[in-house]
Amino acid sequence: MRRNLAWDAFPSVLSTEVERYLTWLSGADLLADDGPPRACKPTTIRQRRELIRAAGSNLVEAGFACDDLTSLSVLTDPDNVKKLVLRLLEKNNRKVSAFNRGVATELIYIARHHCRRRDADLDRLKHLRRKMGPIKAGLTKKNRQLLQQLEDEKTLLSLLGVPARLAKAARTSKVSVARRVQMMQIACAIELLLGAPIRLANLAALELGRHLPESLRRGDIHLTLAEDEVKNGRPMLLPLSESVRAILEEYVRDFRPLIANADEKALFVGPGGKAKSADALRDGVIKAIKRHTGIYMTPHQFRHLAGELILRAVPGQYALVQQVLGHAHLKTTLGFYAANQSRAAGRVLDEIISARRRRGTHQ
C-alpha cells in the first residue's frame, strides 16, 4: 500500500491554501470578523493537516490528476470526495474507520467554512458521510483482544516486570553504551506509561525542567502537561509513583549523560545526543514488550490497559478513568469503556450469586 503523498508532490497553490486555512483554524487573528467557530490547538491543527493530505493522496490514487488538484474547492467537490472516500474504503476492506470518517468530516467543514459551498453540495457531502455509517462505540477489536490477553495474570505480571528486566540488563549487559542507554530509556518509557498513561507525542516530547523536575531525588514528583500540549486543552498534573521516580532518577543520573548533548533538555535522547523521535520510541517499546512477553502492544494501548485495570478493581468508576486519561468529557470515557465492561459486570454478578449460595448453606 502506498503512503500518503508528501506535500511537495502537490501543486504549490494547494499547499499554500491549506496553510492559509490552517492558520485561520488556529484563530491567530483574535479580532477577525470571520474567525473560526472554535480556535484549534496545535495538536488538532497537525491532525487536520494530515486528514487533508490523506484526502488529496487518495484522490490522486483514485485516478485524479495531481496537477489538477489546485485548490481546496477542487478537493471538496462532491464527485471528487466520493472518489477519494471509495478509495479509502477499498484500502480498509470496505470497513469504515474513525480516520476515514474523520477525512469526510474535515472535508465537509472545509466546504462549509472555507469554500462556502452551496447548500446542495453540502447536502451531498453529508449524505455521503451518512452512508458511511456510524463508528461503533467501544474499543476496537485489536484493543479488546489485547485486554483479553492481559486478563491472564501471568501475562499481565510479565508485562509489569518488563521495566525491571530491561533496567537490570542495562546495568549488567556487555553491549555497547548506546544499547545500554536505549534499554534504560525503554524501561523508563514503559514504567511511565504504566503509571501515567500519556499519549506517545507527549511521552516523546518530555523535557527535564519543564514536564519533570530537574532533580528527581525528592520523594513526591509530578509530570506536568500544559493545556496547549494535550489533545483536549486541559492541563494535566500527574503524580508519579516511587517505582517511576526511582527508575527515572537512575536513568537521568547514570545513563542519559552518556549520550545526551550538554544543552539538551529532552528526557529521551537518540544516538546523536538530541531528542529521540516518537517513532523510534514507539518502535523500542513495541519490540521490548514483544521480546519479553510475546504480545504486541503499542504505547497508546497503555491507556486502554489503565482504564481496564481501574474498572476491574473498582467497577463503574468511569470518572476515575476520565481523570487518569485526561478526557475532557465523561461521555468520551463511557464511549470507550462502558460497552466493554460486560465481563467485569459478569464477574460481579458471579460473586454476588456465590456469596448468596455460601450464606444459604450456613442457614
Protein backbone atom coordinates (compact mmCIF):
# COMPACT_ATOMS: atom_id res chain seq x y z
CA MET A 1 0.00 0.00 0.00
CA ARG A 2 1.35 3.42 -0.97
CA ARG A 3 1.89 6.02 1.72
CA ASN A 4 0.26 9.45 1.51
CA LEU A 5 1.97 11.85 -0.89
CA ALA A 6 4.40 14.39 0.52
CA TRP A 7 3.17 17.98 0.46
CA ASP A 8 5.74 18.95 -2.18
CA ALA A 9 4.16 16.42 -4.54
CA PHE A 10 1.00 18.56 -4.73
CA PRO A 11 0.71 21.84 -6.66
CA SER A 12 2.20 24.63 -4.56
CA VAL A 13 -1.00 26.66 -4.79
CA LEU A 14 -2.85 23.91 -2.93
CA SER A 15 -0.22 23.68 -0.17
CA THR A 16 -0.29 27.45 0.24
CA GLU A 17 -4.09 27.47 0.54
CA VAL A 18 -4.01 24.61 3.07
CA GLU A 19 -1.60 26.55 5.29
CA ARG A 20 -3.76 29.66 5.00
CA TYR A 21 -6.81 27.62 6.00
CA LEU A 22 -4.98 26.05 8.96
CA THR A 23 -3.80 29.46 10.14
CA TRP A 24 -7.42 30.59 10.08
CA LEU A 25 -8.38 27.47 12.06
CA SER A 26 -5.85 28.38 14.75
CA GLY A 27 -7.66 31.64 15.44
CA ALA A 28 -4.37 33.52 15.16
CA ASP A 29 -6.23 36.74 14.33
CA LEU A 30 -8.22 37.26 17.53
CA LEU A 31 -10.06 40.29 16.11
CA ALA A 32 -11.03 38.74 12.77
CA ASP A 33 -14.70 39.18 11.86
CA ASP A 34 -14.77 35.79 10.13
CA GLY A 35 -12.70 33.73 12.59
CA PRO A 36 -13.36 30.01 13.09
CA PRO A 37 -16.30 28.92 15.25
CA ARG A 38 -13.72 27.49 17.62
CA ALA A 39 -9.94 28.03 17.54
CA CYS A 40 -7.95 24.80 17.29
CA LYS A 41 -4.96 23.69 19.36
CA PRO A 42 -1.62 22.96 17.61
CA THR A 43 -2.17 19.21 18.02
CA THR A 44 -5.55 19.50 16.31
CA ILE A 45 -4.04 21.59 13.52
CA ARG A 46 -1.47 18.86 12.87
CA GLN A 47 -4.18 16.19 12.77
CA ARG A 48 -6.34 18.17 10.37
CA ARG A 49 -3.37 18.85 8.09
CA GLU A 50 -2.86 15.07 7.86
CA LEU A 51 -6.55 14.49 7.11
CA ILE A 52 -6.30 16.89 4.18
CA ARG A 53 -3.08 15.26 2.94
CA ALA A 54 -4.73 11.83 3.13
CA ALA A 55 -7.75 13.15 1.21
CA GLY A 56 -5.60 14.57 -1.57
CA SER A 57 -3.41 11.48 -1.76
CA ASN A 58 -6.37 9.13 -2.06
CA LEU A 59 -8.00 11.29 -4.69
CA VAL A 60 -4.81 11.02 -6.76
CA GLU A 61 -4.70 7.25 -6.14
CA ALA A 62 -8.28 7.10 -7.41
CA GLY A 63 -7.08 8.43 -10.77
CA PHE A 64 -7.41 12.20 -10.42
CA ALA A 65 -4.51 14.11 -12.00
CA CYS A 66 -2.31 15.53 -9.26
CA ASP A 67 -1.52 18.66 -11.28
CA ASP A 68 -5.25 19.45 -11.42
CA LEU A 69 -5.61 19.39 -7.62
CA THR A 70 -5.06 23.12 -7.36
CA SER A 71 -7.42 24.16 -4.55
CA LEU A 72 -9.50 23.04 -1.61
CA SER A 73 -12.53 23.80 -3.73
CA VAL A 74 -11.43 21.08 -6.15
CA LEU A 75 -10.76 18.70 -3.25
CA THR A 76 -14.21 19.25 -1.74
CA ASP A 77 -16.12 18.85 -4.99
CA PRO A 78 -18.76 16.19 -4.11
CA ASP A 79 -17.78 13.95 -7.03
CA ASN A 80 -14.12 14.07 -6.01
CA VAL A 81 -14.97 13.43 -2.36
CA LYS A 82 -16.92 10.34 -3.41
CA LYS A 83 -13.90 9.07 -5.37
CA LEU A 84 -11.43 9.53 -2.55
CA VAL A 85 -13.77 8.07 0.08
CA LEU A 86 -14.30 4.98 -2.06
CA ARG A 87 -10.51 4.65 -2.35
CA LEU A 88 -10.12 4.93 1.43
CA LEU A 89 -12.76 2.26 1.96
CA GLU A 90 -11.17 -0.07 -0.62
CA LYS A 91 -7.86 0.07 1.27
CA ASN A 92 -9.67 -0.76 4.52
CA ASN A 93 -11.59 -3.76 3.15
CA ARG A 94 -14.67 -1.56 2.79
CA LYS A 95 -14.83 -1.01 6.54
CA VAL A 96 -15.39 2.47 7.92
CA SER A 97 -12.67 3.55 10.35
CA ALA A 98 -12.63 6.58 12.61
CA PHE A 99 -9.88 8.02 10.40
CA ASN A 100 -11.89 7.57 7.18
CA ARG A 101 -14.93 9.19 8.72
CA GLY A 102 -12.66 11.95 10.04
CA VAL A 103 -11.49 12.69 6.48
CA ALA A 104 -15.09 13.05 5.32
CA THR A 105 -15.96 15.26 8.29
CA GLU A 106 -12.98 17.54 7.69
CA LEU A 107 -13.89 17.97 4.02
CA ILE A 108 -17.44 18.95 4.98
CA TYR A 109 -16.05 21.52 7.41
CA ILE A 110 -13.76 22.96 4.73
CA ALA A 111 -16.59 23.01 2.20
CA ARG A 112 -18.82 24.94 4.59
CA HIS A 113 -16.45 27.36 6.30
CA HIS A 114 -13.63 27.86 3.80
CA CYS A 115 -15.02 27.18 0.34
CA ARG A 116 -18.53 28.46 1.16
CA ARG A 117 -20.09 25.79 -0.99
CA ARG A 118 -23.77 25.97 -1.79
CA ASP A 119 -26.28 24.06 0.32
CA ALA A 120 -26.90 21.45 -2.37
CA ASP A 121 -23.20 20.46 -2.35
CA LEU A 122 -23.12 20.35 1.45
CA ASP A 123 -26.19 18.12 1.47
CA ARG A 124 -24.48 15.71 -0.95
CA LEU A 125 -21.38 15.59 1.23
CA LYS A 126 -23.40 14.99 4.40
CA HIS A 127 -25.37 12.25 2.64
CA LEU A 128 -22.09 10.61 1.64
CA ARG A 129 -20.88 10.66 5.24
CA ARG A 130 -24.20 9.22 6.47
CA LYS A 131 -23.83 6.34 4.02
CA MET A 132 -20.50 5.54 5.65
CA GLY A 133 -22.47 4.72 8.80
CA PRO A 134 -21.59 5.48 12.42
CA ILE A 135 -18.39 4.49 14.15
CA LYS A 136 -19.08 1.71 16.62
CA ALA A 137 -18.75 2.66 20.26
CA GLY A 138 -16.18 0.99 22.45
CA LEU A 139 -12.71 -0.37 21.86
CA THR A 140 -11.55 -1.75 18.53
CA LYS A 141 -11.21 -5.48 18.01
CA LYS A 142 -7.41 -5.40 18.37
CA ASN A 143 -7.66 -3.48 21.65
CA ARG A 144 -10.27 -5.89 23.03
CA GLN A 145 -8.06 -8.84 22.07
CA LEU A 146 -5.06 -7.29 23.83
CA LEU A 147 -7.01 -6.70 27.04
CA GLN A 148 -8.30 -10.27 26.92
CA GLN A 149 -4.69 -11.47 26.70
CA LEU A 150 -3.83 -9.34 29.72
CA GLU A 151 -6.64 -10.86 31.76
CA ASP A 152 -4.25 -13.75 32.19
CA GLU A 153 -2.45 -12.92 35.44
CA LYS A 154 0.83 -14.47 34.31
CA THR A 155 0.86 -12.39 31.10
CA LEU A 156 -0.02 -9.21 32.99
CA LEU A 157 2.71 -9.77 35.57
CA SER A 158 5.18 -10.43 32.76
CA LEU A 159 4.30 -7.05 31.25
CA LEU A 160 4.58 -5.28 34.60
CA GLY A 161 8.02 -6.82 35.05
CA VAL A 162 9.46 -5.62 31.73
CA PRO A 163 10.89 -2.32 33.07
CA ALA A 164 12.79 -4.07 35.86
CA ARG A 165 14.21 -6.68 33.47
CA LEU A 166 15.31 -4.02 30.99
CA ALA A 167 16.88 -1.92 33.74
CA LYS A 168 18.80 -4.92 35.05
CA ALA A 169 20.07 -5.71 31.56
CA ALA A 170 21.12 -2.08 31.08
CA ARG A 171 23.22 -2.25 34.28
CA THR A 172 24.89 -5.62 33.62
CA SER A 173 24.98 -6.17 29.85
CA LYS A 174 28.28 -6.11 27.96
CA VAL A 175 26.75 -4.50 24.87
CA SER A 176 27.62 -1.01 23.63
CA VAL A 177 26.95 2.10 25.70
CA ALA A 178 24.32 3.29 23.23
CA ARG A 179 22.48 -0.02 23.50
CA ARG A 180 22.56 0.06 27.32
CA VAL A 181 21.20 3.60 27.33
CA GLN A 182 18.43 2.53 24.96
CA MET A 183 17.49 -0.36 27.27
CA MET A 184 17.16 2.01 30.21
CA GLN A 185 15.23 4.52 28.11
CA ILE A 186 12.65 1.93 27.13
CA ALA A 187 12.47 0.73 30.74
CA CYS A 188 11.65 4.32 31.76
CA ALA A 189 9.16 4.77 28.93
CA ILE A 190 7.22 1.62 29.84
CA GLU A 191 7.28 2.40 33.57
CA LEU A 192 5.98 5.90 32.81
CA LEU A 193 3.24 4.54 30.56
CA LEU A 194 2.14 2.14 33.28
CA GLY A 195 1.93 4.84 35.93
CA ALA A 196 0.99 7.85 33.80
CA PRO A 197 -0.53 6.64 30.51
CA ILE A 198 0.00 9.76 28.39
CA ARG A 199 -0.11 9.86 24.61
CA LEU A 200 3.01 8.98 22.62
CA ALA A 201 3.51 12.53 21.33
CA ASN A 202 3.59 13.81 24.91
CA LEU A 203 5.87 10.98 26.03
CA ALA A 204 8.42 11.70 23.29
CA ALA A 205 8.31 15.45 24.00
CA LEU A 206 9.01 15.22 27.74
CA GLU A 207 11.68 17.63 28.94
CA LEU A 208 13.55 17.94 32.22
CA GLY A 209 12.81 21.20 33.96
CA ARG A 210 9.57 21.62 32.00
CA HIS A 211 7.47 18.49 32.34
CA LEU A 212 9.58 16.81 35.01
CA PRO A 213 11.76 18.40 37.71
CA GLU A 214 15.47 18.71 37.04
CA SER A 215 16.12 16.84 40.29
CA LEU A 216 14.31 13.54 40.71
CA ARG A 217 15.73 12.74 44.13
CA ARG A 218 12.92 14.10 46.27
CA GLY A 219 10.06 11.79 47.15
CA ASP A 220 6.99 13.35 45.52
CA ILE A 221 7.33 14.30 41.87
CA HIS A 222 4.75 15.10 39.21
CA LEU A 223 4.55 15.05 35.45
CA THR A 224 3.09 18.33 34.17
CA LEU A 225 1.49 18.93 30.77
CA ALA A 226 0.30 22.40 29.78
CA GLU A 227 -3.07 22.98 28.16
CA ASP A 228 -1.55 23.61 24.72
CA GLU A 229 0.29 20.28 24.84
CA VAL A 230 -2.68 17.98 25.30
CA LYS A 231 -5.36 16.93 22.88
CA ASN A 232 -8.35 18.34 24.74
CA GLY A 233 -6.78 21.55 26.03
CA ARG A 234 -6.97 20.55 29.72
CA PRO A 235 -3.67 20.81 31.65
CA MET A 236 -2.59 17.68 33.50
CA LEU A 237 -0.67 17.20 36.74
CA LEU A 238 0.09 13.52 37.24
CA PRO A 239 1.72 12.24 40.44
CA LEU A 240 4.41 9.64 39.78
CA SER A 241 4.89 6.58 41.94
CA GLU A 242 8.07 5.68 43.77
CA SER A 243 8.84 2.99 41.19
CA VAL A 244 8.62 5.55 38.36
CA ARG A 245 10.71 8.08 40.30
CA ALA A 246 13.42 5.54 41.10
CA ILE A 247 13.93 4.34 37.54
CA LEU A 248 13.80 7.90 36.15
CA GLU A 249 16.37 9.06 38.68
CA GLU A 250 18.77 6.26 37.79
CA TYR A 251 18.36 6.86 34.06
CA VAL A 252 18.87 10.64 34.33
CA ARG A 253 21.83 10.27 36.71
CA ASP A 254 23.72 7.31 35.24
CA PHE A 255 22.64 6.71 31.63
CA ARG A 256 21.30 9.81 29.93
CA PRO A 257 24.56 11.82 30.36
CA LEU A 258 26.43 9.13 28.40
CA ILE A 259 24.89 10.26 25.09
CA ALA A 260 22.93 13.50 25.66
CA ASN A 261 24.27 16.84 24.47
CA ALA A 262 25.05 19.23 27.33
CA ASP A 263 22.27 21.67 26.39
CA GLU A 264 19.65 19.04 25.51
CA LYS A 265 16.54 19.09 27.72
CA ALA A 266 14.67 16.15 26.16
CA LEU A 267 14.20 13.23 28.54
CA PHE A 268 14.65 10.66 25.78
CA VAL A 269 17.64 11.23 23.51
CA GLY A 270 18.93 9.40 20.46
CA PRO A 271 22.47 8.38 19.49
CA GLY A 272 23.18 11.90 18.20
CA GLY A 273 22.53 13.37 21.63
CA LYS A 274 19.34 15.13 20.55
CA ALA A 275 15.67 14.39 21.24
CA LYS A 276 14.55 10.92 20.22
CA SER A 277 11.69 10.75 17.71
CA ALA A 278 8.27 9.47 18.68
CA ASP A 279 8.55 6.74 16.03
CA ALA A 280 11.85 5.47 17.46
CA LEU A 281 10.42 5.46 20.98
CA ARG A 282 7.30 3.64 19.82
CA ASP A 283 9.36 1.04 17.97
CA GLY A 284 11.54 0.42 21.03
CA VAL A 285 8.55 -0.06 23.35
CA ILE A 286 6.81 -2.46 20.96
CA LYS A 287 9.92 -4.59 20.39
CA ALA A 288 10.81 -4.81 24.09
CA ILE A 289 7.31 -5.89 25.08
CA LYS A 290 7.16 -8.43 22.26
CA ARG A 291 10.55 -9.85 23.23
CA HIS A 292 9.77 -10.19 26.93
CA THR A 293 6.07 -11.09 26.91
CA GLY A 294 5.23 -12.40 23.45
CA ILE A 295 2.42 -9.87 22.98
CA TYR A 296 2.21 -6.92 20.61
CA MET A 297 1.39 -3.71 22.47
CA THR A 298 1.76 -0.09 21.39
CA PRO A 299 2.36 2.88 23.72
CA HIS A 300 -1.19 4.13 23.15
CA GLN A 301 -2.64 0.83 24.33
CA PHE A 302 -1.31 1.51 27.82
CA ARG A 303 -4.18 4.00 28.08
CA HIS A 304 -6.68 1.23 27.46
CA LEU A 305 -4.88 -1.03 29.93
CA ALA A 306 -5.10 1.68 32.58
CA GLY A 307 -8.83 2.04 32.04
CA GLU A 308 -9.31 -1.73 32.14
CA LEU A 309 -7.28 -2.21 35.34
CA ILE A 310 -9.11 0.59 37.15
CA LEU A 311 -12.52 -0.76 36.15
CA ARG A 312 -11.53 -4.30 37.13
CA ALA A 313 -10.59 -3.08 40.60
CA VAL A 314 -13.49 -0.64 41.05
CA PRO A 315 -16.26 -1.41 38.53
CA GLY A 316 -18.24 1.59 37.40
CA GLN A 317 -15.64 4.21 38.37
CA TYR A 318 -15.61 5.87 34.96
CA ALA A 319 -14.96 9.29 36.48
CA LEU A 320 -11.69 7.95 37.90
CA VAL A 321 -10.69 6.63 34.47
CA GLN A 322 -11.60 10.00 32.99
CA GLN A 323 -9.22 11.79 35.34
CA VAL A 324 -6.33 9.37 34.78
CA LEU A 325 -6.63 9.53 30.99
CA GLY A 326 -7.37 13.24 30.87
CA HIS A 327 -10.62 13.02 28.91
CA ALA A 328 -12.40 16.39 28.77
CA HIS A 329 -15.84 14.79 28.97
CA LEU A 330 -17.12 11.72 30.79
CA LYS A 331 -19.05 10.68 27.69
CA THR A 332 -15.69 10.12 25.94
CA THR A 333 -14.67 7.67 28.67
CA LEU A 334 -18.06 5.96 28.58
CA GLY A 335 -17.91 5.70 24.81
CA PHE A 336 -14.64 3.77 25.01
CA TYR A 337 -15.10 1.58 28.05
CA ALA A 338 -18.76 1.20 29.06
CA ALA A 339 -19.52 -1.10 26.14
CA ASN A 340 -16.64 -3.41 27.08
CA GLN A 341 -17.45 -3.97 30.74
CA SER A 342 -19.77 -6.95 30.34
CA ARG A 343 -17.05 -9.30 31.63
CA ALA A 344 -16.49 -7.19 34.73
CA ALA A 345 -20.22 -6.99 35.32
CA GLY A 346 -20.46 -10.75 34.89
CA ARG A 347 -17.72 -11.32 37.48
CA VAL A 348 -19.53 -9.08 39.99
CA LEU A 349 -22.76 -10.99 39.43
CA ASP A 350 -20.96 -14.33 39.88
CA GLU A 351 -19.53 -13.10 43.18
CA ILE A 352 -22.98 -11.99 44.36
CA ILE A 353 -24.56 -15.34 43.48
CA SER A 354 -21.70 -17.32 45.04
CA ALA A 355 -21.93 -15.26 48.24
CA ARG A 356 -25.69 -15.88 48.41
CA ARG A 357 -25.17 -19.60 47.99
CA ARG A 358 -22.50 -19.68 50.69
CA ARG A 359 -24.82 -17.91 53.10
CA GLY A 360 -27.61 -20.31 52.19
CA THR A 361 -25.57 -23.38 53.09
CA HIS A 362 -24.90 -21.99 56.57
CA GLN A 363 -28.52 -21.24 57.42
